[in-house]
Amino acid sequence: MASRFVLRTGRAPADLMMRIYAAMAQKERELISARTKSALAAAKAGGTMLGGDRGYRPAQGPDAAAAAGARRLEAERAAHRLALEIEAFRNQGFVSHAALARTLTERSVPTPRASGIWTHTTVARVTDRLR
């Protein structure tokens, strides 16, 4: 019988099955929605606070000046940590920022931001901060 159905209409019985699957999926979505709504209503009735906002508000917003001060202090600490190494390399004859950067990278001296690769700009900023 299935072969006569395909010959007459040009469609396979799979089309009917796909419609049945789609109808079943829609019914399952409706059932899930109903279960979720009833569970949320029961939780709300039980006193559970729903939603993402739990009422916490910081006393004040982010302080850009304090953040900049903290970054500046950290940069000064890093510069002082590196001062002796840079001075030692300068005494060995590495004078330019590019030569110092190559030497610091080759000797695996950590950069202030821990990237591992020194540039002449990074060396210049560290040495300027030391003045």
C-alpha atoms as a PDB file:
ATOM      1  CA  MET A   1       0.000   0.000   0.000  1.00  0.00           C
ATOM      2  CA  ALA A   2       2.843   2.357   0.770  1.00  0.00           C
ATOM      3  CA  SER A   3       4.232   1.984  -2.724  1.00  0.00           C
ATOM      4  CA  ARG A   4       0.843   2.952  -4.260  1.00  0.00           C
ATOM      5  CA  PHE A   5       0.767   6.002  -1.955  1.00  0.00           C
ATOM      6  CA  VAL A   6       4.184   7.123  -3.184  1.00  0.00           C
ATOM      7  CA  LEU A   7       3.272   6.596  -6.822  1.00  0.00           C
ATOM      8  CA  ARG A   8      -0.001   8.539  -6.636  1.00  0.00           C
ATOM      9  CA  THR A   9       1.040  11.532  -4.547  1.00  0.00           C
ATOM     10  CA  GLY A  10       4.792  11.708  -5.154  1.00  0.00           C
ATOM     11  CA  ARG A  11       5.430  11.949  -1.398  1.00  0.00           C
ATOM     12  CA  ALA A  12       6.783   9.342   0.940  1.00  0.00           C
ATOM     13  CA  PRO A  13       5.079   8.391   4.209  1.00  0.00           C
ATOM     14  CA  ALA A  14       7.990  10.140   5.956  1.00  0.00           C
ATOM     15  CA  ASP A  15       6.194  13.459   5.385  1.00  0.00           C
ATOM     16  CA  LEU A  16       3.302  12.288   7.566  1.00  0.00           C
ATOM     17  CA  MET A  17       5.721  11.070  10.247  1.00  0.00           C
ATOM     18  CA  MET A  18       7.524  14.421  10.305  1.00  0.00           C
ATOM     19  CA  ARG A  19       4.226  16.195  10.937  1.00  0.00           C
ATOM     20  CA  ILE A  20       3.430  13.799  13.769  1.00  0.00           C
ATOM     21  CA  TYR A  21       6.895  14.379  15.310  1.00  0.00           C
ATOM     22  CA  ALA A  22       6.424  18.144  15.070  1.00  0.00           C
ATOM     23  CA  ALA A  23       3.034  17.945  16.787  1.00  0.00           C
ATOM     24  CA  MET A  24       4.517  15.789  19.572  1.00  0.00           C
ATOM     25  CA  ALA A  25       7.407  18.239  20.041  1.00  0.00           C
ATOM     26  CA  GLN A  26       4.969  21.156  20.303  1.00  0.00           C
ATOM     27  CA  LYS A  27       2.943  19.283  22.940  1.00  0.00           C
ATOM     28  CA  GLU A  28       6.127  18.525  24.901  1.00  0.00           C
ATOM     29  CA  ARG A  29       7.089  22.239  24.840  1.00  0.00           C
ATOM     30  CA  GLU A  30       3.665  23.131  26.220  1.00  0.00           C
ATOM     31  CA  LEU A  31       3.978  20.539  29.005  1.00  0.00           C
ATOM     32  CA  ILE A  32       7.459  21.783  29.953  1.00  0.00           C
ATOM     33  CA  SER A  33       6.173  25.358  30.063  1.00  0.00           C
ATOM     34  CA  ALA A  34       3.265  24.370  32.310  1.00  0.00           C
ATOM     35  CA  ARG A  35       5.559  22.442  34.697  1.00  0.00           C
ATOM     36  CA  THR A  36       8.016  25.357  34.861  1.00  0.00           C
ATOM     37  CA  LYS A  37       5.283  27.905  35.561  1.00  0.00           C
ATOM     38  CA  SER A  38       3.767  25.789  38.320  1.00  0.00           C
ATOM     39  CA  ALA A  39       7.176  25.166  39.928  1.00  0.00           C
ATOM     40  CA  LEU A  40       7.960  28.895  39.894  1.00  0.00           C
ATOM     41  CA  ALA A  41       4.560  29.705  41.383  1.00  0.00           C
ATOM     42  CA  ALA A  42       5.129  27.141  44.149  1.00  0.00           C
ATOM     43  CA  ALA A  43       8.601  28.536  44.879  1.00  0.00           C
ATOM     44  CA  LYS A  44       7.247  32.081  44.991  1.00  0.00           C
ATOM     45  CA  ALA A  45       4.446  31.018  47.326  1.00  0.00           C
ATOM     46  CA  GLY A  46       7.071  29.373  49.544  1.00  0.00           C
ATOM     47  CA  GLY A  47       8.936  32.668  49.910  1.00  0.00           C
ATOM     48  CA  THR A  48      11.783  32.123  47.469  1.00  0.00           C
ATOM     49  CA  MET A  49      13.036  35.342  45.895  1.00  0.00           C
ATOM     50  CA  LEU A  50      12.917  34.946  42.131  1.00  0.00           C
ATOM     51  CA  GLY A  51      15.041  36.862  39.630  1.00  0.00           C
ATOM     52  CA  GLY A  52      18.696  37.805  39.424  1.00  0.00           C
ATOM     53  CA  ASP A  53      18.643  41.041  41.458  1.00  0.00           C
ATOM     54  CA  ARG A  54      19.042  40.172  45.118  1.00  0.00           C
ATOM     55  CA  GLY A  55      19.001  43.781  46.258  1.00  0.00           C
ATOM     56  CA  TYR A  56      22.774  44.212  46.611  1.00  0.00           C
ATOM     57  CA  ARG A  57      23.968  47.659  45.672  1.00  0.00           C
ATOM     58  CA  PRO A  58      27.534  48.786  46.383  1.00  0.00           C
ATOM     59  CA  ALA A  59      27.815  51.886  48.543  1.00  0.00           C
ATOM     60  CA  GLN A  60      29.565  53.703  45.709  1.00  0.00           C
ATOM     61  CA  GLY A  61      30.377  53.038  42.096  1.00  0.00           C
ATOM     62  CA  PRO A  62      33.776  52.230  40.634  1.00  0.00           C
ATOM     63  CA  ASP A  63      36.431  54.804  41.464  1.00  0.00           C
ATOM     64  CA  ALA A  64      38.582  55.526  38.400  1.00  0.00           C
ATOM     65  CA  ALA A  65      41.063  57.629  40.396  1.00  0.00           C
ATOM     66  CA  ALA A  66      41.643  54.844  42.915  1.00  0.00           C
ATOM     67  CA  ALA A  67      42.100  52.305  40.115  1.00  0.00           C
ATOM     68  CA  ALA A  68      44.612  54.577  38.358  1.00  0.00           C
ATOM     69  CA  GLY A  69      46.483  55.070  41.635  1.00  0.00           C
ATOM     70  CA  ALA A  70      46.675  51.319  42.181  1.00  0.00           C
ATOM     71  CA  ARG A  71      48.000  50.784  38.639  1.00  0.00           C
ATOM     72  CA  ARG A  72      50.561  53.559  39.130  1.00  0.00           C
ATOM     73  CA  LEU A  73      51.756  52.032  42.416  1.00  0.00           C
ATOM     74  CA  GLU A  74      52.094  48.601  40.801  1.00  0.00           C
ATOM     75  CA  ALA A  75      54.056  50.107  37.892  1.00  0.00           C
ATOM     76  CA  GLU A  76      56.429  51.826  40.327  1.00  0.00           C
ATOM     77  CA  ARG A  77      56.986  48.566  42.201  1.00  0.00           C
ATOM     78  CA  ALA A  78      57.745  46.765  38.933  1.00  0.00           C
ATOM     79  CA  ALA A  79      60.171  49.512  37.888  1.00  0.00           C
ATOM     80  CA  HIS A  80      62.044  49.308  41.191  1.00  0.00           C
ATOM     81  CA  ARG A  81      62.148  45.519  40.918  1.00  0.00           C
ATOM     82  CA  LEU A  82      63.731  45.791  37.457  1.00  0.00           C
ATOM     83  CA  ALA A  83      66.059  48.727  38.189  1.00  0.00           C
ATOM     84  CA  LEU A  84      69.035  46.625  39.298  1.00  0.00           C
ATOM     85  CA  GLU A  85      68.826  44.278  36.315  1.00  0.00           C
ATOM     86  CA  ILE A  86      68.549  47.123  33.800  1.00  0.00           C
ATOM     87  CA  GLU A  87      71.465  48.938  35.436  1.00  0.00           C
ATOM     88  CA  ALA A  88      73.570  45.767  35.335  1.00  0.00           C
ATOM     89  CA  PHE A  89      72.884  45.343  31.607  1.00  0.00           C
ATOM     90  CA  ARG A  90      73.755  48.999  30.988  1.00  0.00           C
ATOM     91  CA  ASN A  91      77.083  48.448  32.751  1.00  0.00           C
ATOM     92  CA  GLN A  92      77.707  45.515  30.383  1.00  0.00           C
ATOM     93  CA  GLY A  93      77.398  47.854  27.403  1.00  0.00           C
ATOM     94  CA  PHE A  94      73.721  47.534  26.440  1.00  0.00           C
ATOM     95  CA  VAL A  95      72.819  51.204  26.200  1.00  0.00           C
ATOM     96  CA  SER A  96      69.940  51.562  23.728  1.00  0.00           C
ATOM     97  CA  HIS A  97      66.405  50.650  24.642  1.00  0.00           C
ATOM     98  CA  ALA A  98      66.254  48.109  21.798  1.00  0.00           C
ATOM     99  CA  ALA A  99      69.461  46.381  22.977  1.00  0.00           C
ATOM    100  CA  LEU A 100      68.162  46.296  26.546  1.00  0.00           C
ATOM    101  CA  ALA A 101      64.839  44.889  25.341  1.00  0.00           C
ATOM    102  CA  ARG A 102      66.569  42.103  23.370  1.00  0.00           C
ATOM    103  CA  THR A 103      68.775  41.250  26.342  1.00  0.00           C
ATOM    104  CA  LEU A 104      65.914  41.217  28.833  1.00  0.00           C
ATOM    105  CA  THR A 105      63.858  38.978  26.520  1.00  0.00           C
ATOM    106  CA  GLU A 106      66.781  36.598  25.883  1.00  0.00           C
ATOM    107  CA  ARG A 107      67.462  36.270  29.619  1.00  0.00           C
ATOM    108  CA  SER A 108      63.745  35.595  30.304  1.00  0.00           C
ATOM    109  CA  VAL A 109      63.316  38.543  32.635  1.00  0.00           C
ATOM    110  CA  PRO A 110      59.573  38.922  33.231  1.00  0.00           C
ATOM    111  CA  THR A 111      58.010  42.093  31.883  1.00  0.00           C
ATOM    112  CA  PRO A 112      55.905  44.305  34.155  1.00  0.00           C
ATOM    113  CA  ARG A 113      52.740  42.754  32.679  1.00  0.00           C
ATOM    114  CA  ALA A 114      54.243  39.264  32.453  1.00  0.00           C
ATOM    115  CA  SER A 115      53.983  39.069  28.652  1.00  0.00           C
ATOM    116  CA  GLY A 116      57.549  37.755  28.376  1.00  0.00           C
ATOM    117  CA  ILE A 117      58.578  39.871  25.381  1.00  0.00           C
ATOM    118  CA  TRP A 118      60.315  43.160  26.025  1.00  0.00           C
ATOM    119  CA  THR A 119      60.020  46.050  23.579  1.00  0.00           C
ATOM    120  CA  HIS A 120      62.025  49.245  23.426  1.00  0.00           C
ATOM    121  CA  THR A 121      58.886  51.110  24.510  1.00  0.00           C
ATOM    122  CA  THR A 122      58.543  48.972  27.636  1.00  0.00           C
ATOM    123  CA  VAL A 123      62.182  49.579  28.519  1.00  0.00           C
ATOM    124  CA  ALA A 124      61.744  53.327  27.963  1.00  0.00           C
ATOM    125  CA  ARG A 125      58.687  53.456  30.209  1.00  0.00           C
ATOM    126  CA  VAL A 126      60.416  51.527  32.982  1.00  0.00           C
ATOM    127  CA  THR A 127      63.522  53.692  32.846  1.00  0.00           C
ATOM    128  CA  ASP A 128      61.438  56.893  32.741  1.00  0.00           C
ATOM    129  CA  ARG A 129      59.573  55.745  35.821  1.00  0.00           C
ATOM    130  CA  LEU A 130      62.854  55.218  37.665  1.00  0.00           C
ATOM    131  CA  ARG A 131      63.858  58.883  37.236  1.00  0.00           C
END
